[in-house]
Protein backbone atom coordinates (compact mmCIF):
# COMPACT_ATOMS: atom_id res chain seq x y z
CA MET A 1 41.53 -28.77 -38.03
CA ARG A 2 40.82 -30.04 -34.53
CA SER A 3 37.45 -29.38 -33.00
CA THR A 4 37.05 -27.07 -30.05
CA ARG A 5 36.08 -30.00 -27.84
CA LEU A 6 39.25 -31.96 -28.70
CA ARG A 7 41.42 -28.89 -28.06
CA ARG A 8 39.77 -28.37 -24.67
CA ILE A 9 40.33 -32.02 -23.76
CA ASP A 10 43.96 -31.78 -24.93
CA ASP A 11 44.54 -28.71 -22.75
CA GLN A 12 42.82 -30.20 -19.72
CA MET A 13 44.78 -33.45 -19.99
CA LYS A 14 48.02 -31.50 -20.35
CA ARG A 15 47.25 -29.57 -17.16
CA ILE A 16 46.25 -32.69 -15.20
CA LEU A 17 49.32 -34.65 -16.34
CA GLY A 18 51.65 -31.75 -15.57
CA GLU A 19 50.29 -31.36 -12.05
CA ALA A 20 50.33 -35.12 -11.39
CA LEU A 21 53.93 -35.45 -12.55
CA ILE A 22 55.02 -32.69 -10.19
CA THR A 23 53.01 -33.58 -7.11
CA GLU A 24 51.98 -37.24 -7.23
CA VAL A 25 54.37 -39.40 -9.26
CA MET A 26 57.35 -40.29 -7.10
CA ASP A 27 59.32 -42.51 -9.49
CA PRO A 28 63.03 -41.71 -9.02
CA ARG A 29 63.66 -42.37 -12.71
CA ILE A 30 61.53 -39.40 -13.70
CA GLY A 31 63.73 -36.34 -13.75
CA PHE A 32 62.84 -32.79 -14.67
CA VAL A 33 60.07 -33.29 -17.23
CA THR A 34 57.67 -30.83 -18.85
CA VAL A 35 54.48 -31.79 -20.66
CA THR A 36 54.66 -29.69 -23.82
CA GLY A 37 51.47 -30.94 -25.44
CA VAL A 38 48.78 -33.60 -25.62
CA LYS A 39 46.96 -34.77 -28.70
CA VAL A 40 43.97 -37.10 -28.20
CA SER A 41 42.82 -39.18 -31.16
CA LYS A 42 39.31 -38.58 -32.48
CA GLU A 43 38.25 -42.02 -31.25
CA PHE A 44 39.62 -41.31 -27.75
CA ASP A 45 41.59 -44.56 -27.82
CA THR A 46 45.07 -43.02 -27.57
CA ALA A 47 46.61 -39.77 -26.44
CA LYS A 48 50.07 -38.69 -27.52
CA VAL A 49 51.73 -36.94 -24.60
CA PHE A 50 54.66 -34.83 -25.74
CA VAL A 51 57.29 -34.30 -23.05
CA SER A 52 60.53 -32.39 -22.81
CA VAL A 53 63.25 -33.73 -20.52
CA LEU A 54 66.15 -31.77 -19.06
CA GLY A 55 69.37 -33.75 -19.05
CA ASP A 56 71.54 -35.99 -21.18
CA GLU A 57 70.59 -39.05 -23.22
CA HIS A 58 70.73 -41.37 -20.18
CA ALA A 59 68.44 -39.11 -18.11
CA ARG A 60 66.07 -38.88 -21.06
CA SER A 61 65.81 -42.65 -21.50
CA GLU A 62 65.36 -43.19 -17.74
CA THR A 63 62.63 -40.55 -17.62
CA MET A 64 60.81 -42.02 -20.62
CA SER A 65 60.96 -45.47 -18.99
CA GLY A 66 59.57 -44.05 -15.75
CA LEU A 67 56.78 -42.28 -17.62
CA ARG A 68 55.77 -45.47 -19.41
CA SER A 69 55.57 -47.35 -16.11
CA ALA A 70 53.56 -44.49 -14.53
CA GLY A 71 51.17 -44.48 -17.51
CA PRO A 72 48.40 -46.62 -15.92
CA TYR A 73 48.40 -44.47 -12.78
CA LEU A 74 48.26 -41.29 -14.86
CA GLN A 75 45.38 -42.75 -16.89
CA SER A 76 43.42 -43.42 -13.71
CA ARG A 77 44.21 -39.89 -12.54
CA ILE A 78 42.80 -38.51 -15.79
CA GLY A 79 39.74 -40.74 -15.42
CA LYS A 80 39.01 -39.37 -11.94
CA ALA A 81 39.53 -35.74 -12.97
CA MET A 82 37.79 -35.73 -16.35
CA ARG A 83 34.62 -37.89 -16.47
CA LEU A 84 35.17 -39.26 -19.97
CA ARG A 85 33.42 -42.39 -21.23
CA ARG A 86 36.68 -43.73 -22.54
CA ILE A 87 40.08 -42.98 -21.02
CA PRO A 88 42.73 -42.92 -23.75
CA LEU A 89 45.90 -44.99 -23.59
CA LEU A 90 48.84 -42.64 -22.97
CA ARG A 91 51.78 -42.76 -25.39
CA PHE A 92 54.72 -40.67 -24.20
CA ILE A 93 56.73 -39.06 -26.99
CA TYR A 94 59.94 -37.13 -26.48
CA ASP A 95 59.57 -33.57 -27.80
CA ASP A 96 62.92 -32.21 -28.93
CA SER A 97 61.59 -28.79 -30.00
CA VAL A 98 63.09 -27.06 -26.94
CA GLU A 99 66.46 -28.67 -27.64
CA ARG A 100 66.28 -27.73 -31.33
CA SER A 101 65.38 -24.11 -30.53
CA MET A 102 68.32 -23.85 -28.12
CA HIS A 103 70.60 -25.27 -30.83
CA ILE A 104 69.32 -22.78 -33.41
CA GLY A 105 69.80 -19.94 -30.91
CA GLN A 106 73.38 -21.05 -30.34
CA LEU A 107 74.01 -21.19 -34.08
CA LEU A 108 72.66 -17.64 -34.46
CA ARG A 109 74.86 -16.38 -31.61
CA ASP A 110 77.89 -18.07 -33.19
CA ALA A 111 77.08 -16.48 -36.56
CA GLU A 112 76.79 -13.04 -34.96
CA ALA A 113 80.11 -13.49 -33.19
CA THR A 114 81.93 -14.42 -36.40
CA SER A 115 80.52 -11.55 -38.48
CA GLY A 116 81.99 -8.14 -37.77
CA ASP A 117 78.83 -6.06 -38.11
CA GLY A 118 76.43 -8.58 -36.54
CA ALA A 119 77.77 -7.97 -33.04
CA GLU A 120 77.09 -4.24 -33.35
CA VAL A 121 73.46 -4.82 -34.30
CA ALA A 122 73.00 -7.34 -31.48
CA ASP A 123 73.81 -4.72 -28.84
CA GLY A 124 70.96 -2.48 -30.03
CA SER A 125 73.03 0.18 -31.84
CA ASP A 126 72.05 1.46 -35.27
CA ALA A 127 75.53 1.06 -36.74
CA GLY A 128 75.39 0.57 -40.46
CA SER A 129 71.99 2.28 -40.68
CA PRO A 130 71.69 5.28 -43.06
CA LEU A 131 70.34 7.31 -40.14
CA ALA A 132 73.20 6.39 -37.80
CA ASP A 133 75.32 9.37 -38.90
CA ALA A 134 72.42 11.84 -39.04
CA ASP A 135 72.37 14.69 -36.53
CA PRO A 136 69.33 14.22 -34.26
CA ASN A 137 69.19 17.99 -33.60
CA ALA A 138 69.16 18.94 -37.29
CA ALA A 139 66.02 20.57 -38.67
CA ASP A 140 63.71 18.38 -40.73
CA PRO A 141 64.15 19.42 -44.38
CA ASN A 142 60.46 18.64 -45.09
CA ALA A 143 59.10 20.47 -42.02
CA GLY A 144 57.52 23.49 -43.76
CA ASP A 145 56.14 21.76 -46.84
CA PRO A 146 52.37 21.51 -47.22
CA PRO A 147 50.95 17.98 -47.36
CA SER A 148 50.69 16.47 -50.79
CA PRO A 149 47.24 15.62 -52.18
CA ASP A 150 48.16 11.94 -52.13
CA ASP A 151 49.25 11.96 -48.48
CA PRO A 152 47.00 9.53 -46.57
CA GLU A 153 48.19 10.94 -43.24
CA ALA A 154 47.00 14.48 -44.02
CA GLU A 155 44.35 15.77 -41.63
CA PRO A 156 40.89 16.17 -43.18
CA GLY A 157 40.73 19.92 -42.55
CA GLU A 158 44.26 20.67 -43.81
CA GLU A 159 44.77 22.64 -46.94
CA ARG A 160 46.18 20.54 -49.76
CA ALA A 161 48.43 21.83 -52.52
């Protein structure tokens, strides 16, 4: 388990890198990139910077190349903002979790579309539920019964059978 200090440093570096990539780094190779996480080693010698890139394989490789060349600048930016004794070397790693989650979502939508009853559940209806055919205005058959002695929801002052 990571210490609280390391987690705070990870979060602060993530924020600084995200802001710097948006406002300060002007490399045309860097496309739409999101810093999804940072993990600093215990020795503070390296920091894995996980990034998500919008676009195809070519845009991804161009962005990763631009990030690697902007690494020294981003390290100096971190050094100015965070007063650490040792500024870690940044290693940019492509994070495909967003892409994988979109793929899984598409697979689930495809599965719902192919099953006959899945589409009905997706629209919020209760089709297929045992209560779907019940009359909402019908009287509750258990309405007049006294609470059972084993009923945990019975009020403390209620009479028990």
